[in-house]
Each structure stands twice: as structure tokens, then as C-alpha cells.
Amino acid sequence: MRGIGRGAVVLWVGGEGDEPDQVLALPDAGRRRVPVFRTARQARVYADRRGRRLADSGAGTLELSRVQHWLEDPVRRRVPPGAVLESWNFFEDLARGLGEAGRLPRQGAVHDSAYEKLFAGEGPAWTPAEESAVLELIRAGAELWDSCPVIVKPCSSTAPDGGRGVSRWW
């Protein structure tokens, strides 16, 4: 994750069965914190020490800074559709991991339509309602990321999944 104000390596927990994925967040004094790392190697060592194997040994970079730059002036700046799609997915997974789904707007048919256009590579073809919905969701997600509590390079003794038994990490 590379953003304007905050960048870090985070881990995802794969959902079992039909359960959705989520960003790994650890319980801490009544709230959840996202463990963050400076390098993929640090994240890998953390997972290994906890007896977890990463499902993907590589690390991808979400270029949130491109999305944040677009958010500064969406009327005059070109939509980065791939980065917006990746950010949308990340923000949903982050909100689930933190137990903060209410920090993102409730999604409906307009969001579904805008998402499908993004997925198909047609982001700039949004209707005004779709564009408004995307901007609201992405702004809320960027704020969630910038304000969420984190643990920098956490020690290896905290329970990774709150006892839920989730086995796949990304």
C-alpha cells in the first residue's frame, strides 16, 4: 500500500467458504489495529513465526497515491480505474478487518453498476450518480485507511485471527 500520507505492507486473511476476505487486524484494548510492516520480508517473517504460510509469496503494490491525487480534483483529473478498483476492494476488506463496515457508505445498485464498469475498464463512463457514489465511497475509504489504528512491526505473540482459525494470509 503506497499512499500520500501513509504507506505500509499489510496482510490479508482469506475468507473460508463464502466468507469475504479481510485485512488482518488484531484485537487491542477493545478495538482492532492493523499490523503494518515496512517490507514484504518483515510481513513474511511475522507470518512464519506465527505458523502461517502466505498464500502468495510475492507482494503487490496498491498505488493509493494515484487515487488520492485524483480525489484532490476529480473534475479535472483522469480517473485511474485500476487503482480505484483495487482501492475499493482494499477499503471493503479493511473495514471488515477493523469491524468498521459502517465507516463506508451503504452500497446499493448505483455502486454495483459503477463497480461493474470499473471491473470492465469503463470507469470514465459513469453516470453522474455513479461517479458521486464512487467518490463518496473512495473518500470514506481513504479516510478510514489514513485514520485506522496500526501496530508497526508487531511482536509475534498476539493471536492473528482472534481465535477464528483462518488459515490463509496474503
N, C-alpha and C. Protein backbone atom coordinates (compact mmCIF):
# COMPACT_ATOMS: atom_id res chain seq x y z
N MET A 1 0.86 -1.16 0.00
CA MET A 1 0.00 0.00 0.00
C MET A 1 0.90 1.22 0.00
N ARG A 2 0.75 2.05 -1.02
CA ARG A 2 1.54 3.26 -1.10
C ARG A 2 0.60 4.44 -1.25
N GLY A 3 0.42 5.19 -0.15
CA GLY A 3 -0.45 6.35 -0.17
C GLY A 3 0.34 7.63 0.04
N ILE A 4 -0.33 8.74 -0.07
CA ILE A 4 0.33 10.03 0.11
C ILE A 4 0.75 10.21 1.57
N GLY A 5 -0.15 9.95 2.51
CA GLY A 5 0.15 10.15 3.92
C GLY A 5 0.64 8.92 4.65
N ARG A 6 0.33 7.76 4.14
CA ARG A 6 0.66 6.52 4.85
C ARG A 6 0.91 5.43 3.82
N GLY A 7 1.97 4.71 4.02
CA GLY A 7 2.27 3.56 3.20
C GLY A 7 2.76 2.43 4.08
N ALA A 8 2.43 1.21 3.72
CA ALA A 8 2.83 0.07 4.53
C ALA A 8 2.51 -1.23 3.80
N VAL A 9 3.10 -2.29 4.29
CA VAL A 9 2.74 -3.64 3.85
C VAL A 9 1.73 -4.15 4.87
N VAL A 10 0.60 -4.66 4.37
CA VAL A 10 -0.43 -5.23 5.24
C VAL A 10 -0.68 -6.67 4.80
N LEU A 11 -1.34 -7.42 5.65
CA LEU A 11 -1.67 -8.82 5.36
C LEU A 11 -3.17 -8.97 5.24
N TRP A 12 -3.58 -9.82 4.30
CA TRP A 12 -5.00 -10.15 4.15
C TRP A 12 -5.23 -11.53 4.73
N VAL A 13 -6.43 -11.73 5.26
CA VAL A 13 -6.87 -13.04 5.73
C VAL A 13 -7.94 -13.51 4.76
N GLY A 14 -7.70 -14.66 4.15
CA GLY A 14 -8.67 -15.21 3.21
C GLY A 14 -9.89 -15.74 3.92
N GLY A 15 -11.06 -15.41 3.40
CA GLY A 15 -12.29 -15.92 3.99
C GLY A 15 -12.49 -17.39 3.67
N GLU A 16 -13.03 -18.10 4.61
CA GLU A 16 -13.31 -19.52 4.39
C GLU A 16 -14.68 -19.67 3.74
N GLY A 17 -14.75 -20.56 2.75
CA GLY A 17 -16.02 -20.79 2.07
C GLY A 17 -16.51 -19.52 1.39
N ASP A 18 -17.72 -19.11 1.73
CA ASP A 18 -18.32 -17.91 1.15
C ASP A 18 -17.97 -16.63 1.92
N GLU A 19 -17.20 -16.76 2.99
CA GLU A 19 -16.84 -15.58 3.77
C GLU A 19 -15.90 -14.69 2.97
N PRO A 20 -16.08 -13.38 3.05
CA PRO A 20 -15.19 -12.47 2.31
C PRO A 20 -13.82 -12.35 2.96
N ASP A 21 -12.86 -11.94 2.16
CA ASP A 21 -11.52 -11.66 2.68
C ASP A 21 -11.57 -10.41 3.54
N GLN A 22 -10.52 -10.24 4.34
CA GLN A 22 -10.40 -9.03 5.14
C GLN A 22 -8.94 -8.75 5.42
N VAL A 23 -8.65 -7.49 5.69
CA VAL A 23 -7.30 -7.11 6.10
C VAL A 23 -7.10 -7.61 7.52
N LEU A 24 -5.95 -8.17 7.79
CA LEU A 24 -5.64 -8.66 9.13
C LEU A 24 -5.65 -7.49 10.11
N ALA A 25 -6.41 -7.64 11.18
CA ALA A 25 -6.44 -6.65 12.27
C ALA A 25 -6.43 -7.42 13.58
N LEU A 26 -5.70 -6.92 14.54
CA LEU A 26 -5.51 -7.59 15.82
C LEU A 26 -6.29 -6.88 16.91
N PRO A 27 -6.91 -7.65 17.82
CA PRO A 27 -7.61 -7.01 18.93
C PRO A 27 -6.62 -6.32 19.86
N ASP A 28 -7.01 -5.12 20.33
CA ASP A 28 -6.14 -4.37 21.23
C ASP A 28 -6.98 -3.41 22.05
N ALA A 29 -7.20 -3.75 23.31
CA ALA A 29 -7.92 -2.88 24.25
C ALA A 29 -9.28 -2.43 23.71
N GLY A 30 -10.08 -3.36 23.24
CA GLY A 30 -11.43 -3.04 22.82
C GLY A 30 -11.57 -2.54 21.39
N ARG A 31 -10.50 -2.41 20.67
CA ARG A 31 -10.59 -2.03 19.26
C ARG A 31 -9.59 -2.88 18.49
N ARG A 32 -9.63 -2.77 17.19
CA ARG A 32 -8.74 -3.58 16.35
C ARG A 32 -7.71 -2.67 15.71
N ARG A 33 -6.49 -3.19 15.58
CA ARG A 33 -5.39 -2.45 14.94
C ARG A 33 -4.84 -3.29 13.80
N VAL A 34 -4.42 -2.60 12.75
CA VAL A 34 -3.85 -3.27 11.58
C VAL A 34 -2.33 -3.36 11.77
N PRO A 35 -1.79 -4.58 11.77
CA PRO A 35 -0.32 -4.68 11.81
C PRO A 35 0.25 -4.23 10.46
N VAL A 36 1.22 -3.35 10.50
CA VAL A 36 1.84 -2.84 9.28
C VAL A 36 3.34 -3.08 9.34
N PHE A 37 3.90 -3.25 8.15
CA PHE A 37 5.32 -3.57 8.02
C PHE A 37 5.94 -2.67 6.97
N ARG A 38 7.24 -2.46 7.08
CA ARG A 38 7.94 -1.65 6.07
C ARG A 38 8.26 -2.44 4.82
N THR A 39 8.47 -3.74 4.97
CA THR A 39 8.85 -4.57 3.84
C THR A 39 8.02 -5.86 3.81
N ALA A 40 7.94 -6.45 2.63
CA ALA A 40 7.25 -7.73 2.49
C ALA A 40 7.99 -8.81 3.28
N ARG A 41 9.30 -8.70 3.36
CA ARG A 41 10.08 -9.66 4.14
C ARG A 41 9.68 -9.65 5.61
N GLN A 42 9.51 -8.46 6.19
CA GLN A 42 9.07 -8.36 7.58
C GLN A 42 7.70 -9.02 7.77
N ALA A 43 6.80 -8.81 6.84
CA ALA A 43 5.48 -9.42 6.91
C ALA A 43 5.58 -10.94 6.81
N ARG A 44 6.44 -11.42 5.91
CA ARG A 44 6.64 -12.86 5.74
C ARG A 44 7.20 -13.48 7.03
N VAL A 45 8.18 -12.84 7.64
CA VAL A 45 8.78 -13.35 8.89
C VAL A 45 7.72 -13.38 9.98
N TYR A 46 6.92 -12.34 10.06
CA TYR A 46 5.83 -12.27 11.05
C TYR A 46 4.89 -13.46 10.87
N ALA A 47 4.46 -13.70 9.64
CA ALA A 47 3.55 -14.81 9.36
C ALA A 47 4.21 -16.15 9.68
N ASP A 48 5.47 -16.32 9.26
CA ASP A 48 6.18 -17.58 9.52
C ASP A 48 6.29 -17.85 11.02
N ARG A 49 6.61 -16.83 11.79
CA ARG A 49 6.77 -17.00 13.24
C ARG A 49 5.45 -17.34 13.92
N ARG A 50 4.37 -17.06 13.25
CA ARG A 50 3.05 -17.37 13.80
C ARG A 50 2.50 -18.67 13.24
N GLY A 51 3.35 -19.39 12.51
CA GLY A 51 2.93 -20.67 11.95
C GLY A 51 2.00 -20.55 10.76
N ARG A 52 2.02 -19.43 10.08
CA ARG A 52 1.15 -19.21 8.92
C ARG A 52 1.99 -19.15 7.66
N ARG A 53 1.46 -19.67 6.62
CA ARG A 53 2.09 -19.59 5.29
C ARG A 53 1.33 -18.56 4.49
N LEU A 54 2.06 -17.73 3.80
CA LEU A 54 1.40 -16.77 2.93
C LEU A 54 0.95 -17.49 1.67
N ALA A 55 -0.27 -17.22 1.25
CA ALA A 55 -0.82 -17.86 0.06
C ALA A 55 -0.08 -17.40 -1.18
N ASP A 56 0.44 -16.20 -1.14
CA ASP A 56 1.17 -15.63 -2.27
C ASP A 56 2.48 -15.10 -1.73
N SER A 57 3.58 -15.64 -2.20
CA SER A 57 4.88 -15.24 -1.66
C SER A 57 5.31 -13.87 -2.16
N GLY A 58 4.68 -13.36 -3.19
CA GLY A 58 5.01 -12.05 -3.71
C GLY A 58 4.19 -10.96 -3.04
N ALA A 59 4.59 -9.75 -3.26
CA ALA A 59 3.84 -8.62 -2.71
C ALA A 59 3.44 -7.71 -3.86
N GLY A 60 2.19 -7.36 -3.91
CA GLY A 60 1.72 -6.40 -4.90
C GLY A 60 1.61 -5.03 -4.25
N THR A 61 1.69 -4.00 -5.05
CA THR A 61 1.60 -2.65 -4.50
C THR A 61 0.31 -1.99 -4.97
N LEU A 62 -0.48 -1.56 -4.03
CA LEU A 62 -1.67 -0.78 -4.34
C LEU A 62 -1.23 0.69 -4.34
N GLU A 63 -1.38 1.34 -5.46
CA GLU A 63 -0.95 2.73 -5.61
C GLU A 63 -2.07 3.68 -5.20
N LEU A 64 -2.31 3.74 -3.91
CA LEU A 64 -3.35 4.61 -3.37
C LEU A 64 -3.03 6.08 -3.65
N SER A 65 -1.77 6.43 -3.76
CA SER A 65 -1.41 7.83 -4.02
C SER A 65 -2.03 8.32 -5.33
N ARG A 66 -2.13 7.45 -6.33
CA ARG A 66 -2.77 7.84 -7.60
C ARG A 66 -4.24 8.17 -7.38
N VAL A 67 -4.90 7.39 -6.54
CA VAL A 67 -6.31 7.61 -6.24
C VAL A 67 -6.47 8.89 -5.42
N GLN A 68 -5.60 9.08 -4.43
CA GLN A 68 -5.68 10.28 -3.61
C GLN A 68 -5.44 11.53 -4.46
N HIS A 69 -4.53 11.45 -5.39
CA HIS A 69 -4.26 12.57 -6.30
C HIS A 69 -5.52 12.88 -7.11
N TRP A 70 -6.17 11.87 -7.62
CA TRP A 70 -7.43 12.05 -8.37
C TRP A 70 -8.50 12.67 -7.47
N LEU A 71 -8.60 12.23 -6.21
CA LEU A 71 -9.61 12.75 -5.30
C LEU A 71 -9.43 14.24 -5.01
N GLU A 72 -8.21 14.73 -5.14
CA GLU A 72 -7.95 16.16 -4.89
C GLU A 72 -8.67 17.04 -5.91
N ASP A 73 -8.89 16.55 -7.12
CA ASP A 73 -9.58 17.33 -8.15
C ASP A 73 -10.19 16.38 -9.19
N PRO A 74 -11.25 15.65 -8.81
CA PRO A 74 -11.81 14.63 -9.71
C PRO A 74 -12.42 15.20 -10.99
N VAL A 75 -12.75 16.47 -11.00
CA VAL A 75 -13.34 17.07 -12.20
C VAL A 75 -12.29 17.23 -13.29
N ARG A 76 -11.09 17.61 -12.92
CA ARG A 76 -10.05 17.89 -13.91
C ARG A 76 -9.03 16.78 -14.07
N ARG A 77 -9.02 15.82 -13.16
CA ARG A 77 -8.02 14.75 -13.26
C ARG A 77 -8.65 13.48 -13.78
N ARG A 78 -7.85 12.74 -14.51
CA ARG A 78 -8.29 11.49 -15.12
C ARG A 78 -8.43 10.41 -14.05
N VAL A 79 -9.51 9.66 -14.14
CA VAL A 79 -9.77 8.54 -13.21
C VAL A 79 -8.73 7.45 -13.47
N PRO A 80 -8.01 6.99 -12.43
CA PRO A 80 -7.15 5.82 -12.59
C PRO A 80 -7.96 4.55 -12.28
N PRO A 81 -8.67 3.99 -13.28
CA PRO A 81 -9.65 2.94 -13.00
C PRO A 81 -9.09 1.72 -12.27
N GLY A 82 -7.92 1.24 -12.67
CA GLY A 82 -7.37 0.06 -12.00
C GLY A 82 -7.07 0.33 -10.54
N ALA A 83 -6.48 1.48 -10.25
CA ALA A 83 -6.15 1.84 -8.87
C ALA A 83 -7.41 2.10 -8.05
N VAL A 84 -8.45 2.67 -8.66
CA VAL A 84 -9.71 2.90 -7.95
C VAL A 84 -10.36 1.55 -7.61
N LEU A 85 -10.36 0.63 -8.55
CA LEU A 85 -10.93 -0.71 -8.30
C LEU A 85 -10.18 -1.41 -7.17
N GLU A 86 -8.86 -1.41 -7.23
CA GLU A 86 -8.06 -2.04 -6.18
C GLU A 86 -8.30 -1.38 -4.83
N SER A 87 -8.39 -0.05 -4.83
CA SER A 87 -8.63 0.68 -3.59
C SER A 87 -9.99 0.35 -3.01
N TRP A 88 -11.01 0.29 -3.87
CA TRP A 88 -12.37 -0.05 -3.43
C TRP A 88 -12.34 -1.40 -2.72
N ASN A 89 -11.73 -2.38 -3.35
CA ASN A 89 -11.65 -3.72 -2.74
C ASN A 89 -10.89 -3.68 -1.42
N PHE A 90 -9.76 -2.94 -1.40
CA PHE A 90 -8.98 -2.83 -0.18
C PHE A 90 -9.79 -2.19 0.94
N PHE A 91 -10.50 -1.11 0.64
CA PHE A 91 -11.25 -0.41 1.68
C PHE A 91 -12.35 -1.30 2.27
N GLU A 92 -13.01 -2.08 1.43
CA GLU A 92 -14.02 -3.01 1.96
C GLU A 92 -13.38 -4.04 2.87
N ASP A 93 -12.24 -4.60 2.45
CA ASP A 93 -11.53 -5.61 3.25
C ASP A 93 -10.99 -4.99 4.54
N LEU A 94 -10.52 -3.75 4.47
CA LEU A 94 -10.02 -3.05 5.65
C LEU A 94 -11.16 -2.81 6.64
N ALA A 95 -12.28 -2.34 6.15
CA ALA A 95 -13.42 -2.08 7.03
C ALA A 95 -13.88 -3.37 7.73
N ARG A 96 -13.91 -4.49 6.99
CA ARG A 96 -14.29 -5.77 7.60
C ARG A 96 -13.29 -6.17 8.67
N GLY A 97 -12.00 -6.06 8.37
CA GLY A 97 -10.98 -6.45 9.34
C GLY A 97 -11.05 -5.64 10.62
N LEU A 98 -11.34 -4.36 10.48
CA LEU A 98 -11.42 -3.48 11.65
C LEU A 98 -12.77 -3.57 12.35
N GLY A 99 -13.75 -4.23 11.72
CA GLY A 99 -15.10 -4.24 12.28
C GLY A 99 -15.74 -2.86 12.16
N GLU A 100 -15.39 -2.14 11.10
CA GLU A 100 -15.84 -0.75 10.90
C GLU A 100 -16.60 -0.59 9.58
N ALA A 101 -17.39 -1.57 9.20
CA ALA A 101 -18.11 -1.50 7.93
C ALA A 101 -18.98 -0.26 7.84
N GLY A 102 -19.45 0.25 8.97
CA GLY A 102 -20.28 1.44 8.99
C GLY A 102 -19.55 2.72 8.61
N ARG A 103 -18.23 2.67 8.53
CA ARG A 103 -17.46 3.86 8.13
C ARG A 103 -17.49 4.06 6.62
N LEU A 104 -17.93 3.05 5.88
CA LEU A 104 -18.09 3.18 4.43
C LEU A 104 -19.58 3.36 4.13
N PRO A 105 -19.90 4.09 3.05
CA PRO A 105 -21.32 4.25 2.70
C PRO A 105 -21.97 2.89 2.41
N ARG A 106 -23.24 2.81 2.75
CA ARG A 106 -24.01 1.60 2.40
C ARG A 106 -24.10 1.54 0.88
N GLN A 107 -23.80 0.38 0.34
CA GLN A 107 -23.76 0.25 -1.11
C GLN A 107 -25.07 -0.32 -1.66
N GLY A 108 -25.45 0.21 -2.82
CA GLY A 108 -26.68 -0.24 -3.47
C GLY A 108 -26.46 -0.45 -4.95
N ALA A 109 -27.53 -0.37 -5.70
CA ALA A 109 -27.49 -0.65 -7.13
C ALA A 109 -26.58 0.32 -7.89
N VAL A 110 -26.54 1.57 -7.47
CA VAL A 110 -25.67 2.55 -8.15
C VAL A 110 -24.20 2.15 -7.97
N HIS A 111 -23.85 1.73 -6.76
CA HIS A 111 -22.48 1.27 -6.51
C HIS A 111 -22.16 0.03 -7.34
N ASP A 112 -23.13 -0.90 -7.38
CA ASP A 112 -22.92 -2.13 -8.15
C ASP A 112 -22.65 -1.82 -9.62
N SER A 113 -23.42 -0.90 -10.17
CA SER A 113 -23.26 -0.52 -11.57
C SER A 113 -21.90 0.15 -11.81
N ALA A 114 -21.51 1.05 -10.91
CA ALA A 114 -20.22 1.73 -11.04
C ALA A 114 -19.07 0.72 -10.91
N TYR A 115 -19.21 -0.22 -9.98
CA TYR A 115 -18.17 -1.24 -9.78
C TYR A 115 -18.02 -2.11 -11.02
N GLU A 116 -19.14 -2.52 -11.59
CA GLU A 116 -19.10 -3.35 -12.80
C GLU A 116 -18.41 -2.61 -13.94
N LYS A 117 -18.66 -1.32 -14.07
CA LYS A 117 -17.99 -0.54 -15.11
C LYS A 117 -16.50 -0.45 -14.85
N LEU A 118 -16.11 -0.28 -13.58
CA LEU A 118 -14.68 -0.28 -13.23
C LEU A 118 -14.05 -1.62 -13.58
N PHE A 119 -14.74 -2.68 -13.19
CA PHE A 119 -14.23 -4.03 -13.43
C PHE A 119 -14.05 -4.29 -14.92
N ALA A 120 -14.94 -3.73 -15.71
CA ALA A 120 -14.87 -3.90 -17.17
C ALA A 120 -13.94 -2.88 -17.83
N GLY A 121 -13.34 -2.00 -17.00
CA GLY A 121 -12.43 -0.99 -17.54
C GLY A 121 -13.15 0.22 -18.12
N GLU A 122 -14.39 0.44 -17.69
CA GLU A 122 -15.19 1.55 -18.24
C GLU A 122 -15.43 2.64 -17.20
N GLY A 123 -14.52 2.85 -16.25
CA GLY A 123 -14.70 3.82 -15.17
C GLY A 123 -15.14 5.19 -15.62
N PRO A 124 -14.50 5.80 -16.60
CA PRO A 124 -14.91 7.15 -17.00
C PRO A 124 -16.31 7.21 -17.62
N ALA A 125 -16.95 6.08 -17.89
CA ALA A 125 -18.29 6.07 -18.48
C ALA A 125 -19.38 6.09 -17.40
N TRP A 126 -19.04 6.49 -16.18
CA TRP A 126 -20.03 6.53 -15.10
C TRP A 126 -21.09 7.58 -15.35
N THR A 127 -22.27 7.30 -14.86
CA THR A 127 -23.31 8.32 -14.82
C THR A 127 -22.94 9.29 -13.68
N PRO A 128 -23.55 10.48 -13.63
CA PRO A 128 -23.26 11.38 -12.51
C PRO A 128 -23.54 10.74 -11.14
N ALA A 129 -24.61 9.96 -11.04
CA ALA A 129 -24.93 9.29 -9.77
C ALA A 129 -23.87 8.26 -9.41
N GLU A 130 -23.38 7.51 -10.41
CA GLU A 130 -22.33 6.52 -10.15
C GLU A 130 -21.04 7.20 -9.72
N GLU A 131 -20.69 8.27 -10.42
CA GLU A 131 -19.46 8.98 -10.07
C GLU A 131 -19.54 9.53 -8.64
N SER A 132 -20.67 10.08 -8.29
CA SER A 132 -20.87 10.60 -6.94
C SER A 132 -20.74 9.48 -5.89
N ALA A 133 -21.33 8.34 -6.18
CA ALA A 133 -21.27 7.20 -5.26
C ALA A 133 -19.83 6.71 -5.10
N VAL A 134 -19.10 6.63 -6.22
CA VAL A 134 -17.70 6.18 -6.17
C VAL A 134 -16.87 7.17 -5.36
N LEU A 135 -17.03 8.45 -5.63
CA LEU A 135 -16.26 9.46 -4.90
C LEU A 135 -16.54 9.39 -3.41
N GLU A 136 -17.80 9.24 -3.03
CA GLU A 136 -18.16 9.16 -1.61
C GLU A 136 -17.50 7.93 -0.96
N LEU A 137 -17.59 6.79 -1.63
CA LEU A 137 -17.03 5.57 -1.07
C LEU A 137 -15.50 5.64 -0.99
N ILE A 138 -14.86 6.10 -2.04
CA ILE A 138 -13.40 6.13 -2.07
C ILE A 138 -12.86 7.16 -1.07
N ARG A 139 -13.53 8.28 -0.95
CA ARG A 139 -13.11 9.28 0.06
C ARG A 139 -13.23 8.71 1.47
N ALA A 140 -14.34 8.04 1.74
CA ALA A 140 -14.54 7.43 3.06
C ALA A 140 -13.49 6.35 3.31
N GLY A 141 -13.19 5.55 2.30
CA GLY A 141 -12.18 4.50 2.45
C GLY A 141 -10.79 5.08 2.68
N ALA A 142 -10.44 6.13 1.95
CA ALA A 142 -9.13 6.76 2.13
C ALA A 142 -9.02 7.34 3.54
N GLU A 143 -10.09 7.92 4.02
CA GLU A 143 -10.10 8.45 5.39
C GLU A 143 -9.96 7.31 6.40
N LEU A 144 -10.64 6.20 6.16
CA LEU A 144 -10.52 5.03 7.04
C LEU A 144 -9.07 4.56 7.10
N TRP A 145 -8.43 4.43 5.96
CA TRP A 145 -7.03 3.99 5.92
C TRP A 145 -6.13 4.99 6.64
N ASP A 146 -6.30 6.26 6.37
CA ASP A 146 -5.44 7.27 6.97
C ASP A 146 -5.62 7.39 8.48
N SER A 147 -6.79 7.00 8.98
CA SER A 147 -7.07 7.18 10.41
C SER A 147 -7.11 5.88 11.21
N CYS A 148 -7.03 4.74 10.54
CA CYS A 148 -7.17 3.48 11.29
C CYS A 148 -5.96 3.26 12.20
N PRO A 149 -6.21 2.69 13.37
CA PRO A 149 -5.10 2.40 14.27
C PRO A 149 -4.24 1.27 13.72
N VAL A 150 -2.93 1.42 13.86
CA VAL A 150 -2.00 0.42 13.36
C VAL A 150 -1.04 0.00 14.46
N ILE A 151 -0.42 -1.13 14.25
CA ILE A 151 0.69 -1.61 15.08
C ILE A 151 1.86 -1.78 14.12
N VAL A 152 2.91 -1.01 14.33
CA VAL A 152 4.08 -1.07 13.45
C VAL A 152 4.95 -2.23 13.90
N LYS A 153 5.24 -3.13 12.93
CA LYS A 153 6.07 -4.32 13.20
C LYS A 153 5.70 -4.99 14.52
N PRO A 154 4.49 -5.55 14.61
CA PRO A 154 4.05 -6.14 15.88
C PRO A 154 4.89 -7.34 16.26
N CYS A 155 4.90 -7.63 17.56
CA CYS A 155 5.60 -8.83 18.01
C CYS A 155 4.80 -10.04 17.56
N SER A 156 5.39 -11.21 17.67
CA SER A 156 4.77 -12.42 17.12
C SER A 156 3.86 -13.14 18.10
N SER A 157 3.58 -12.57 19.26
CA SER A 157 2.83 -13.33 20.25
C SER A 157 1.34 -13.06 20.25
N THR A 158 0.85 -12.05 19.56
CA THR A 158 -0.58 -11.72 19.54
C THR A 158 -1.33 -12.70 18.64
N ALA A 159 -2.52 -13.11 19.06
CA ALA A 159 -3.32 -14.03 18.23
C ALA A 159 -3.68 -13.36 16.92
N PRO A 160 -3.35 -13.97 15.78
CA PRO A 160 -3.54 -13.33 14.49
C PRO A 160 -4.98 -13.19 14.05
N ASP A 161 -5.86 -14.04 14.51
CA ASP A 161 -7.20 -14.04 13.94
C ASP A 161 -8.28 -14.04 15.02
N GLY A 162 -7.90 -13.66 16.22
CA GLY A 162 -8.90 -13.61 17.28
C GLY A 162 -9.49 -14.97 17.58
N GLY A 163 -8.78 -16.05 17.25
CA GLY A 163 -9.25 -17.39 17.52
C GLY A 163 -10.22 -17.93 16.50
N ARG A 164 -10.38 -17.27 15.37
CA ARG A 164 -11.36 -17.72 14.36
C ARG A 164 -10.82 -18.87 13.52
N GLY A 165 -9.51 -19.13 13.55
CA GLY A 165 -8.97 -20.26 12.82
C GLY A 165 -8.78 -20.02 11.35
N VAL A 166 -8.70 -18.79 10.89
CA VAL A 166 -8.49 -18.51 9.48
C VAL A 166 -7.07 -18.92 9.12
N SER A 167 -6.92 -19.56 7.97
CA SER A 167 -5.61 -20.15 7.67
C SER A 167 -4.85 -19.55 6.52
N ARG A 168 -5.48 -18.75 5.67
CA ARG A 168 -4.74 -18.19 4.52
C ARG A 168 -4.46 -16.72 4.73
N TRP A 169 -3.23 -16.33 4.48
CA TRP A 169 -2.85 -14.92 4.57
C TRP A 169 -2.25 -14.53 3.23
N TRP A 170 -2.47 -13.28 2.84
CA TRP A 170 -1.83 -12.73 1.65
C TRP A 170 -0.92 -11.62 2.06
